[in-house]
């Protein structure tokens, strides 16, 4: 599956990570999507506090974002950088057959 098959999951991951950055950080926010062996979503914000996975109760209004990112990604993490932190999430890109004909047959 190429990046097109990841659209819904990628939109949700981006939405959660950027929303967290807006909610918890002041200052500039950056977003990068990098396609290499995996699709990596990278969000920069000016807050140095690392996010943490929470266990939300059914009555909680918040606390499910990183749980969703965990479910939709191969892995995620964060690290401090000059001026703040970056948080990243990776999604698998399935390889396509190398000998595919124009009509889609292998």
PDB file of N, CA and C in Angstrom:
ATOM      1  N   UNK A   1       0.846  -1.167   0.000  1.00  0.00           N
ATOM      2  CA  UNK A   1       0.000   0.000   0.000  1.00  0.00           C
ATOM      3  C   UNK A   1       0.892   1.230   0.000  1.00  0.00           C
ATOM      4  N   UNK A   2       0.628   2.147  -0.882  1.00  0.00           N
ATOM      5  CA  UNK A   2       1.369   3.394  -0.926  1.00  0.00           C
ATOM      6  C   UNK A   2       0.752   4.411   0.002  1.00  0.00           C
ATOM      7  N   UNK A   3       1.243   5.644  -0.053  1.00  0.00           N
ATOM      8  CA  UNK A   3       0.746   6.666   0.852  1.00  0.00           C
ATOM      9  C   UNK A   3      -0.744   6.938   0.689  1.00  0.00           C
ATOM     10  N   UNK A   4      -1.306   6.713  -0.495  1.00  0.00           N
ATOM     11  CA  UNK A   4      -2.723   6.956  -0.702  1.00  0.00           C
ATOM     12  C   UNK A   4      -3.602   6.095   0.181  1.00  0.00           C
ATOM     13  N   UNK A   5      -3.182   4.873   0.474  1.00  0.00           N
ATOM     14  CA  UNK A   5      -3.952   3.982   1.318  1.00  0.00           C
ATOM     15  C   UNK A   5      -3.885   4.336   2.789  1.00  0.00           C
ATOM     16  N   UNK A   6      -3.029   5.266   3.156  1.00  0.00           N
ATOM     17  CA  UNK A   6      -2.857   5.662   4.552  1.00  0.00           C
ATOM     18  C   UNK A   6      -3.557   6.978   4.878  1.00  0.00           C
ATOM     19  N   UNK A   7      -4.291   7.520   3.929  1.00  0.00           N
ATOM     20  CA  UNK A   7      -4.823   8.875   4.095  1.00  0.00           C
ATOM     21  C   UNK A   7      -5.612   9.084   5.379  1.00  0.00           C
ATOM     22  N   UNK A   8      -6.583   8.233   5.673  1.00  0.00           N
ATOM     23  CA  UNK A   8      -7.412   8.439   6.858  1.00  0.00           C
ATOM     24  C   UNK A   8      -6.594   8.350   8.139  1.00  0.00           C
ATOM     25  N   UNK A   9      -5.754   7.331   8.250  1.00  0.00           N
ATOM     26  CA  UNK A   9      -4.932   7.184   9.446  1.00  0.00           C
ATOM     27  C   UNK A   9      -3.954   8.346   9.575  1.00  0.00           C
ATOM     28  N   UNK A  10      -3.368   8.765   8.464  1.00  0.00           N
ATOM     29  CA  UNK A  10      -2.417   9.877   8.491  1.00  0.00           C
ATOM     30  C   UNK A  10      -3.102  11.165   8.906  1.00  0.00           C
ATOM     31  N   UNK A  11      -4.287  11.413   8.383  1.00  0.00           N
ATOM     32  CA  UNK A  11      -5.038  12.616   8.774  1.00  0.00           C
ATOM     33  C   UNK A  11      -5.307  12.629  10.270  1.00  0.00           C
ATOM     34  N   UNK A  12      -5.676  11.491  10.816  1.00  0.00           N
ATOM     35  CA  UNK A  12      -5.964  11.420  12.245  1.00  0.00           C
ATOM     36  C   UNK A  12      -4.700  11.613  13.078  1.00  0.00           C
ATOM     37  N   UNK A  13      -3.603  10.989  12.674  1.00  0.00           N
ATOM     38  CA  UNK A  13      -2.334  11.160  13.394  1.00  0.00           C
ATOM     39  C   UNK A  13      -1.902  12.619  13.364  1.00  0.00           C
ATOM     40  N   UNK A  14      -1.928  13.236  12.186  1.00  0.00           N
ATOM     41  CA  UNK A  14      -1.551  14.650  12.063  1.00  0.00           C
ATOM     42  C   UNK A  14      -2.463  15.503  12.944  1.00  0.00           C
ATOM     43  N   UNK A  15      -3.758  15.253  12.872  1.00  0.00           N
ATOM     44  CA  UNK A  15      -4.717  16.023  13.657  1.00  0.00           C
ATOM     45  C   UNK A  15      -4.425  15.933  15.154  1.00  0.00           C
ATOM     46  N   UNK A  16      -4.165  14.737  15.642  1.00  0.00           N
ATOM     47  CA  UNK A  16      -3.903  14.553  17.071  1.00  0.00           C
ATOM     48  C   UNK A  16      -2.604  15.234  17.500  1.00  0.00           C
ATOM     49  N   UNK A  17      -1.535  15.039  16.731  1.00  0.00           N
ATOM     50  CA  UNK A  17      -0.245  15.604  17.126  1.00  0.00           C
ATOM     51  C   UNK A  17      -0.230  17.127  17.029  1.00  0.00           C
ATOM     52  N   UNK A  18      -0.831  17.672  15.985  1.00  0.00           N
ATOM     53  CA  UNK A  18      -0.873  19.133  15.841  1.00  0.00           C
ATOM     54  C   UNK A  18      -1.803  19.745  16.886  1.00  0.00           C
ATOM     55  N   UNK A  19      -2.941  19.105  17.144  1.00  0.00           N
ATOM     56  CA  UNK A  19      -3.855  19.609  18.176  1.00  0.00           C
ATOM     57  C   UNK A  19      -3.169  19.638  19.539  1.00  0.00           C
ATOM     58  N   UNK A  20      -2.417  18.587  19.875  1.00  0.00           N
ATOM     59  CA  UNK A  20      -1.669  18.582  21.133  1.00  0.00           C
ATOM     60  C   UNK A  20      -0.662  19.723  21.172  1.00  0.00           C
ATOM     61  N   UNK A  21       0.030  19.961  20.074  1.00  0.00           N
ATOM     62  CA  UNK A  21       1.007  21.051  20.028  1.00  0.00           C
ATOM     63  C   UNK A  21       0.319  22.400  20.234  1.00  0.00           C
ATOM     64  N   UNK A  22      -0.815  22.601  19.605  1.00  0.00           N
ATOM     65  CA  UNK A  22      -1.548  23.864  19.770  1.00  0.00           C
ATOM     66  C   UNK A  22      -2.032  24.009  21.210  1.00  0.00           C
ATOM     67  N   UNK A  23      -2.519  22.934  21.774  1.00  0.00           N
ATOM     68  CA  UNK A  23      -3.097  22.977  23.113  1.00  0.00           C
ATOM     69  C   UNK A  23      -2.046  23.184  24.207  1.00  0.00           C
ATOM     70  N   UNK A  24      -0.899  22.516  24.094  1.00  0.00           N
ATOM     71  CA  UNK A  24       0.071  22.496  25.184  1.00  0.00           C
ATOM     72  C   UNK A  24       1.287  23.395  24.984  1.00  0.00           C
ATOM     73  N   UNK A  25       1.499  23.907  23.797  1.00  0.00           N
ATOM     74  CA  UNK A  25       2.725  24.673  23.549  1.00  0.00           C
ATOM     75  C   UNK A  25       2.392  26.095  23.112  1.00  0.00           C
ATOM     76  N   UNK A  26       3.311  26.970  23.396  1.00  0.00           N
ATOM     77  CA  UNK A  26       3.226  28.332  22.871  1.00  0.00           C
ATOM     78  C   UNK A  26       4.354  28.472  21.853  1.00  0.00           C
ATOM     79  N   UNK A  27       4.168  29.352  20.899  1.00  0.00           N
ATOM     80  CA  UNK A  27       5.230  29.559  19.928  1.00  0.00           C
ATOM     81  C   UNK A  27       4.990  28.803  18.644  1.00  0.00           C
ATOM     82  N   UNK A  28       6.013  28.713  17.829  1.00  0.00           N
ATOM     83  CA  UNK A  28       5.850  28.105  16.504  1.00  0.00           C
ATOM     84  C   UNK A  28       5.601  26.604  16.573  1.00  0.00           C
ATOM     85  N   UNK A  29       4.848  26.137  15.588  1.00  0.00           N
ATOM     86  CA  UNK A  29       4.570  24.711  15.422  1.00  0.00           C
ATOM     87  C   UNK A  29       4.938  24.355  13.992  1.00  0.00           C
ATOM     88  N   UNK A  30       5.604  23.235  13.804  1.00  0.00           N
ATOM     89  CA  UNK A  30       5.975  22.781  12.468  1.00  0.00           C
ATOM     90  C   UNK A  30       5.490  21.365  12.226  1.00  0.00           C
ATOM     91  N   UNK A  31       5.215  21.061  10.972  1.00  0.00           N
ATOM     92  CA  UNK A  31       4.761  19.726  10.573  1.00  0.00           C
ATOM     93  C   UNK A  31       5.535  19.299   9.340  1.00  0.00           C
ATOM     94  N   UNK A  32       6.024  18.060   9.358  1.00  0.00           N
ATOM     95  CA  UNK A  32       6.670  17.462   8.180  1.00  0.00           C
ATOM     96  C   UNK A  32       6.150  16.045   8.012  1.00  0.00           C
ATOM     97  N   UNK A  33       5.891  15.662   6.784  1.00  0.00           N
ATOM     98  CA  UNK A  33       5.595  14.276   6.441  1.00  0.00           C
ATOM     99  C   UNK A  33       6.734  13.802   5.563  1.00  0.00           C
ATOM    100  N   UNK A  34       7.384  12.720   5.970  1.00  0.00           N
ATOM    101  CA  UNK A  34       8.559  12.220   5.273  1.00  0.00           C
ATOM    102  C   UNK A  34       8.281  10.793   4.821  1.00  0.00           C
ATOM    103  N   UNK A  35       8.387  10.554   3.513  1.00  0.00           N
ATOM    104  CA  UNK A  35       8.207   9.204   2.993  1.00  0.00           C
ATOM    105  C   UNK A  35       9.565   8.615   2.655  1.00  0.00           C
ATOM    106  N   UNK A  36       9.904   7.533   3.303  1.00  0.00           N
ATOM    107  CA  UNK A  36      11.097   6.743   2.990  1.00  0.00           C
ATOM    108  C   UNK A  36      10.673   5.294   3.142  1.00  0.00           C
ATOM    109  N   UNK A  37      11.331   4.465   3.892  1.00  0.00           N
ATOM    110  CA  UNK A  37      10.854   3.090   4.068  1.00  0.00           C
ATOM    111  C   UNK A  37       9.514   3.048   4.794  1.00  0.00           C
ATOM    112  N   UNK A  38       9.214   4.088   5.550  1.00  0.00           N
ATOM    113  CA  UNK A  38       7.947   4.273   6.252  1.00  0.00           C
ATOM    114  C   UNK A  38       7.476   5.707   5.994  1.00  0.00           C
ATOM    115  N   UNK A  39       6.252   6.001   6.367  1.00  0.00           N
ATOM    116  CA  UNK A  39       5.750   7.374   6.324  1.00  0.00           C
ATOM    117  C   UNK A  39       5.865   7.921   7.730  1.00  0.00           C
ATOM    118  N   UNK A  40       6.648   8.982   7.903  1.00  0.00           N
ATOM    119  CA  UNK A  40       6.874   9.551   9.221  1.00  0.00           C
ATOM    120  C   UNK A  40       6.236  10.927   9.307  1.00  0.00           C
ATOM    121  N   UNK A  41       5.401  11.114  10.312  1.00  0.00           N
ATOM    122  CA  UNK A  41       4.810  12.407  10.623  1.00  0.00           C
ATOM    123  C   UNK A  41       5.631  12.999  11.758  1.00  0.00           C
ATOM    124  N   UNK A  42       6.162  14.200  11.555  1.00  0.00           N
ATOM    125  CA  UNK A  42       6.992  14.859  12.557  1.00  0.00           C
ATOM    126  C   UNK A  42       6.370  16.210  12.884  1.00  0.00           C
ATOM    127  N   UNK A  43       6.122  16.460  14.168  1.00  0.00           N
ATOM    128  CA  UNK A  43       5.564  17.732  14.609  1.00  0.00           C
ATOM    129  C   UNK A  43       6.546  18.360  15.586  1.00  0.00           C
ATOM    130  N   UNK A  44       6.864  19.639  15.354  1.00  0.00           N
ATOM    131  CA  UNK A  44       7.729  20.402  16.251  1.00  0.00           C
ATOM    132  C   UNK A  44       6.868  21.388  17.019  1.00  0.00           C
ATOM    133  N   UNK A  45       7.157  21.539  18.319  1.00  0.00           N
ATOM    134  CA  UNK A  45       6.557  22.638  19.078  1.00  0.00           C
ATOM    135  C   UNK A  45       7.565  23.164  20.083  1.00  0.00           C
ATOM    136  N   UNK A  46       7.262  24.308  20.681  1.00  0.00           N
ATOM    137  CA  UNK A  46       8.202  25.001  21.551  1.00  0.00           C
ATOM    138  C   UNK A  46       8.146  24.556  23.004  1.00  0.00           C
ATOM    139  N   UNK A  47       7.377  23.532  23.329  1.00  0.00           N
ATOM    140  CA  UNK A  47       7.283  23.014  24.682  1.00  0.00           C
ATOM    141  C   UNK A  47       8.271  21.855  24.826  1.00  0.00           C
ATOM    142  N   UNK A  48       9.062  21.843  25.898  1.00  0.00           N
ATOM    143  CA  UNK A  48      10.057  20.779  26.069  1.00  0.00           C
ATOM    144  C   UNK A  48       9.515  19.575  26.835  1.00  0.00           C
ATOM    145  N   UNK A  49       8.292  19.661  27.336  1.00  0.00           N
ATOM    146  CA  UNK A  49       7.712  18.547  28.097  1.00  0.00           C
ATOM    147  C   UNK A  49       7.256  17.462  27.127  1.00  0.00           C
ATOM    148  N   UNK A  50       7.734  16.244  27.365  1.00  0.00           N
ATOM    149  CA  UNK A  50       7.383  15.120  26.495  1.00  0.00           C
ATOM    150  C   UNK A  50       5.942  14.673  26.744  1.00  0.00           C
ATOM    151  N   UNK A  51       5.245  14.300  25.680  1.00  0.00           N
ATOM    152  CA  UNK A  51       3.878  13.806  25.855  1.00  0.00           C
ATOM    153  C   UNK A  51       3.898  12.431  26.514  1.00  0.00           C
ATOM    154  N   UNK A  52       2.807  12.074  27.135  1.00  0.00           N
ATOM    155  CA  UNK A  52       2.727  10.756  27.753  1.00  0.00           C
ATOM    156  C   UNK A  52       1.394  10.118  27.404  1.00  0.00           C
ATOM    157  N   UNK A  53       1.444   8.834  27.235  1.00  0.00           N
ATOM    158  CA  UNK A  53       0.250   8.053  26.946  1.00  0.00           C
ATOM    159  C   UNK A  53      -0.587   7.968  28.212  1.00  0.00           C
ATOM    160  N   UNK A  54      -1.861   8.303  28.097  1.00  0.00           N
ATOM    161  CA  UNK A  54      -2.767   8.259  29.243  1.00  0.00           C
ATOM    162  C   UNK A  54      -3.834   7.197  29.021  1.00  0.00           C
ATOM    163  N   UNK A  55      -4.412   6.746  30.087  1.00  0.00           N
ATOM    164  CA  UNK A  55      -5.541   5.822  30.007  1.00  0.00           C
ATOM    165  C   UNK A  55      -6.787   6.612  30.386  1.00  0.00           C
ATOM    166  N   UNK A  56      -7.567   6.989  29.377  1.00  0.00           N
ATOM    167  CA  UNK A  56      -8.755   7.798  29.605  1.00  0.00           C
ATOM    168  C   UNK A  56      -9.912   6.922  30.079  1.00  0.00           C
ATOM    169  N   UNK A  57     -10.657   7.447  31.043  1.00  0.00           N
ATOM    170  CA  UNK A  57     -11.889   6.776  31.479  1.00  0.00           C
ATOM    171  C   UNK A  57     -12.989   7.122  30.475  1.00  0.00           C
ATOM    172  N   UNK A  58     -14.063   6.386  30.484  1.00  0.00           N
ATOM    173  CA  UNK A  58     -15.155   6.623  29.529  1.00  0.00           C
ATOM    174  C   UNK A  58     -15.774   8.001  29.693  1.00  0.00           C
ATOM    175  N   UNK A  59     -15.678   8.583  30.872  1.00  0.00           N
ATOM    176  CA  UNK A  59     -16.260   9.908  31.108  1.00  0.00           C
ATOM    177  C   UNK A  59     -15.290  11.050  30.820  1.00  0.00           C
ATOM    178  N   UNK A  60     -14.025  10.753  30.567  1.00  0.00           N
ATOM    179  CA  UNK A  60     -13.028  11.798  30.279  1.00  0.00           C
ATOM    180  C   UNK A  60     -13.245  12.394  28.899  1.00  0.00           C
ATOM    181  N   UNK A  61     -13.078  13.704  28.806  1.00  0.00           N
ATOM    182  CA  UNK A  61     -13.206  14.383  27.516  1.00  0.00           C
ATOM    183  C   UNK A  61     -11.890  14.405  26.745  1.00  0.00           C
ATOM    184  N   UNK A  62     -10.782  14.180  27.415  1.00  0.00           N
ATOM    185  CA  UNK A  62      -9.452  14.222  26.797  1.00  0.00           C
ATOM    186  C   UNK A  62      -8.687  12.952  27.145  1.00  0.00           C
ATOM    187  N   UNK A  63      -7.502  12.817  26.561  1.00  0.00           N
ATOM    188  CA  UNK A  63      -6.610  11.736  26.939  1.00  0.00           C
ATOM    189  C   UNK A  63      -6.588  10.536  26.017  1.00  0.00           C
ATOM    190  N   UNK A  64      -7.225  10.646  24.863  1.00  0.00           N
ATOM    191  CA  UNK A  64      -7.260   9.507  23.935  1.00  0.00           C
ATOM    192  C   UNK A  64      -6.370   9.694  22.713  1.00  0.00           C
ATOM    193  N   UNK A  65      -5.820  10.873  22.524  1.00  0.00           N
ATOM    194  CA  UNK A  65      -5.070  11.179  21.309  1.00  0.00           C
ATOM    195  C   UNK A  65      -3.873  10.282  21.075  1.00  0.00           C
ATOM    196  N   UNK A  66      -2.995  10.166  22.062  1.00  0.00           N
ATOM    197  CA  UNK A  66      -1.810   9.331  21.870  1.00  0.00           C
ATOM    198  C   UNK A  66      -2.163   7.847  21.834  1.00  0.00           C
ATOM    199  N   UNK A  67      -3.263   7.464  22.477  1.00  0.00           N
ATOM    200  CA  UNK A  67      -3.731   6.084  22.353  1.00  0.00           C
ATOM    201  C   UNK A  67      -4.086   5.801  20.897  1.00  0.00           C
ATOM    202  N   UNK A  68      -4.789   6.737  20.245  1.00  0.00           N
ATOM    203  CA  UNK A  68      -5.123   6.565  18.827  1.00  0.00           C
ATOM    204  C   UNK A  68      -3.872   6.531  17.966  1.00  0.00           C
ATOM    205  N   UNK A  69      -2.925   7.426  18.247  1.00  0.00           N
ATOM    206  CA  UNK A  69      -1.666   7.436  17.492  1.00  0.00           C
ATOM    207  C   UNK A  69      -0.958   6.091  17.654  1.00  0.00           C
ATOM    208  N   UNK A  70      -0.968   5.542  18.861  1.00  0.00           N
ATOM    209  CA  UNK A  70      -0.351   4.240  19.112  1.00  0.00           C
ATOM    210  C   UNK A  70      -1.013   3.141  18.284  1.00  0.00           C
ATOM    211  N   UNK A  71      -2.331   3.178  18.200  1.00  0.00           N
ATOM    212  CA  UNK A  71      -3.067   2.158  17.458  1.00  0.00           C
ATOM    213  C   UNK A  71      -2.869   2.272  15.953  1.00  0.00           C
ATOM    214  N   UNK A  72      -2.679   3.489  15.447  1.00  0.00           N
ATOM    215  CA  UNK A  72      -2.608   3.718  14.002  1.00  0.00           C
ATOM    216  C   UNK A  72      -1.190   3.731  13.448  1.00  0.00           C
ATOM    217  N   UNK A  73      -0.194   3.725  14.303  1.00  0.00           N
ATOM    218  CA  UNK A  73       1.186   3.835  13.832  1.00  0.00           C
ATOM    219  C   UNK A  73       1.997   2.611  14.216  1.00  0.00           C
ATOM    220  N   UNK A  74       3.115   2.482  13.547  1.00  0.00           N
ATOM    221  CA  UNK A  74       4.078   1.421  13.854  1.00  0.00           C
ATOM    222  C   UNK A  74       4.804   1.741  15.152  1.00  0.00           C
ATOM    223  N   UNK A  75       4.930   3.010  15.440  1.00  0.00           N
ATOM    224  CA  UNK A  75       5.593   3.469  16.651  1.00  0.00           C
ATOM    225  C   UNK A  75       5.608   4.981  16.682  1.00  0.00           C
ATOM    226  N   UNK A  76       5.816   5.549  17.848  1.00  0.00           N
ATOM    227  CA  UNK A  76       5.918   6.993  17.984  1.00  0.00           C
ATOM    228  C   UNK A  76       6.879   7.300  19.126  1.00  0.00           C
ATOM    229  N   UNK A  77       7.311   8.537  19.178  1.00  0.00           N
ATOM    230  CA  UNK A  77       8.206   8.959  20.245  1.00  0.00           C
ATOM    231  C   UNK A  77       8.401  10.459  20.198  1.00  0.00           C
ATOM    232  N   UNK A  78       9.193  10.950  21.130  1.00  0.00           N
ATOM    233  CA  UNK A  78       9.504  12.382  21.149  1.00  0.00           C
ATOM    234  C   UNK A  78      10.914  12.575  21.672  1.00  0.00           C
ATOM    235  N   UNK A  79      11.473  13.724  21.352  1.00  0.00           N
ATOM    236  CA  UNK A  79      12.798  14.074  21.868  1.00  0.00           C
ATOM    237  C   UNK A  79      12.907  15.585  21.908  1.00  0.00           C
ATOM    238  N   UNK A  80      13.698  16.071  22.847  1.00  0.00           N
ATOM    239  CA  UNK A  80      13.909  17.512  22.928  1.00  0.00           C
ATOM    240  C   UNK A  80      14.908  17.929  21.863  1.00  0.00           C
ATOM    241  N   UNK A  81      14.710  19.116  21.356  1.00  0.00           N
ATOM    242  CA  UNK A  81      15.586  19.728  20.370  1.00  0.00           C
ATOM    243  C   UNK A  81      15.757  21.189  20.779  1.00  0.00           C
ATOM    244  N   UNK A  82      16.742  21.876  20.246  1.00  0.00           N
ATOM    245  CA  UNK A  82      16.873  23.288  20.580  1.00  0.00           C
ATOM    246  C   UNK A  82      15.565  24.041  20.298  1.00  0.00           C
ATOM    247  N   UNK A  83      15.042  24.702  21.301  1.00  0.00           N
ATOM    248  CA  UNK A  83      13.828  25.486  21.139  1.00  0.00           C
ATOM    249  C   UNK A  83      12.535  24.739  21.384  1.00  0.00           C
ATOM    250  N   UNK A  84      12.605  23.449  21.778  1.00  0.00           N
ATOM    251  CA  UNK A  84      11.363  22.718  22.031  1.00  0.00           C
ATOM    252  C   UNK A  84      11.539  21.215  21.930  1.00  0.00           C
ATOM    253  N   UNK A  85      10.594  20.582  21.240  1.00  0.00           N
ATOM    254  CA  UNK A  85      10.645  19.128  21.069  1.00  0.00           C
ATOM    255  C   UNK A  85      10.047  18.760  19.723  1.00  0.00           C
ATOM    256  N   UNK A  86      10.361  17.562  19.282  1.00  0.00           N
ATOM    257  CA  UNK A  86       9.681  16.962  18.138  1.00  0.00           C
ATOM    258  C   UNK A  86       9.018  15.690  18.619  1.00  0.00           C
ATOM    259  N   UNK A  87       7.861  15.422  18.078  1.00  0.00           N
ATOM    260  CA  UNK A  87       7.171  14.159  18.298  1.00  0.00           C
ATOM    261  C   UNK A  87       6.945  13.560  16.922  1.00  0.00           C
ATOM    262  N   UNK A  88       7.149  12.275  16.807  1.00  0.00           N
ATOM    263  CA  UNK A  88       7.047  11.613  15.502  1.00  0.00           C
ATOM    264  C   UNK A  88       6.203  10.351  15.623  1.00  0.00           C
ATOM    265  N   UNK A  89       5.600   9.972  14.518  1.00  0.00           N
ATOM    266  CA  UNK A  89       4.862   8.707  14.423  1.00  0.00           C
ATOM    267  C   UNK A  89       5.140   8.113  13.051  1.00  0.00           C
ATOM    268  N   UNK A  90       5.386   6.815  13.011  1.00  0.00           N
ATOM    269  CA  UNK A  90       5.701   6.120  11.758  1.00  0.00           C
ATOM    270  C   UNK A  90       4.586   5.177  11.357  1.00  0.00           C
ATOM    271  N   UNK A  91       4.302   5.136  10.058  1.00  0.00           N
ATOM    272  CA  UNK A  91       3.339   4.196   9.505  1.00  0.00           C
ATOM    273  C   UNK A  91       4.036   3.342   8.459  1.00  0.00           C
ATOM    274  N   UNK A  92       3.693   2.064   8.443  1.00  0.00           N
ATOM    275  CA  UNK A  92       4.257   1.134   7.465  1.00  0.00           C
ATOM    276  C   UNK A  92       3.800   1.483   6.055  1.00  0.00           C
ATOM    277  N   UNK A  93       4.694   1.335   5.111  1.00  0.00           N
ATOM    278  CA  UNK A  93       4.374   1.418   3.691  1.00  0.00           C
ATOM    279  C   UNK A  93       4.627   0.038   3.113  1.00  0.00           C
ATOM    280  N   UNK A  94       3.590  -0.662   2.730  1.00  0.00           N
ATOM    281  CA  UNK A  94       3.771  -1.979   2.132  1.00  0.00           C
ATOM    282  C   UNK A  94       4.395  -1.802   0.765  1.00  0.00           C
ATOM    283  N   UNK A  95       5.300  -2.671   0.428  1.00  0.00           N
ATOM    284  CA  UNK A  95       5.945  -2.573  -0.878  1.00  0.00           C
ATOM    285  C   UNK A  95       5.022  -3.098  -1.966  1.00  0.00           C
ATOM    286  N   UNK A  96       5.144  -2.521  -3.128  1.00  0.00           N
ATOM    287  CA  UNK A  96       4.375  -2.980  -4.275  1.00  0.00           C
ATOM    288  C   UNK A  96       5.233  -3.944  -5.065  1.00  0.00           C
ATOM    289  N   UNK A  97       4.631  -4.890  -5.786  1.00  0.00           N
ATOM    290  CA  UNK A  97       5.420  -5.836  -6.586  1.00  0.00           C
ATOM    291  C   UNK A  97       6.298  -5.089  -7.586  1.00  0.00           C
ATOM    292  N   UNK A  98       7.500  -5.575  -7.760  1.00  0.00           N
ATOM    293  CA  UNK A  98       8.437  -4.887  -8.636  1.00  0.00           C
ATOM    294  C   UNK A  98       8.184  -5.169 -10.117  1.00  0.00           C
ATOM    295  N   UNK A  99       7.444  -6.216 -10.424  1.00  0.00           N
ATOM    296  CA  UNK A  99       7.200  -6.578 -11.816  1.00  0.00           C
ATOM    297  C   UNK A  99       5.717  -6.484 -12.137  1.00  0.00           C
ATOM    298  N   UNK A 100       5.137  -5.318 -12.013  1.00  0.00           N
ATOM    299  CA  UNK A 100       3.718  -5.126 -12.260  1.00  0.00           C
ATOM    300  C   UNK A 100       3.530  -4.592 -13.667  1.00  0.00           C
ATOM    301  N   UNK A 101       2.599  -5.211 -14.407  1.00  0.00           N
ATOM    302  CA  UNK A 101       2.297  -4.745 -15.748  1.00  0.00           C
ATOM    303  C   UNK A 101       1.414  -3.513 -15.689  1.00  0.00           C
ATOM    304  N   UNK A 102       1.274  -2.821 -16.790  1.00  0.00           N
ATOM    305  CA  UNK A 102       0.470  -1.603 -16.839  1.00  0.00           C
ATOM    306  C   UNK A 102      -0.982  -1.866 -16.467  1.00  0.00           C
ATOM    307  N   UNK A 103      -1.510  -3.084 -16.740  1.00  0.00           N
ATOM    308  CA  UNK A 103      -2.894  -3.390 -16.420  1.00  0.00           C
ATOM    309  C   UNK A 103      -3.061  -3.866 -14.962  1.00  0.00           C
ATOM    310  N   UNK A 104      -1.976  -3.843 -14.178  1.00  0.00           N
ATOM    311  CA  UNK A 104      -2.032  -4.224 -12.766  1.00  0.00           C
ATOM    312  C   UNK A 104      -1.708  -5.674 -12.499  1.00  0.00           C
ATOM    313  N   UNK A 105      -1.612  -6.507 -13.533  1.00  0.00           N
ATOM    314  CA  UNK A 105      -1.290  -7.916 -13.335  1.00  0.00           C
ATOM    315  C   UNK A 105       0.195  -8.088 -13.019  1.00  0.00           C
ATOM    316  N   UNK A 106       0.509  -9.133 -12.290  1.00  0.00           N
ATOM    317  CA  UNK A 106       1.901  -9.402 -11.934  1.00  0.00           C
ATOM    318  C   UNK A 106       2.495 -10.381 -12.904  1.00  0.00           C
TER     319      UNK A 106
END
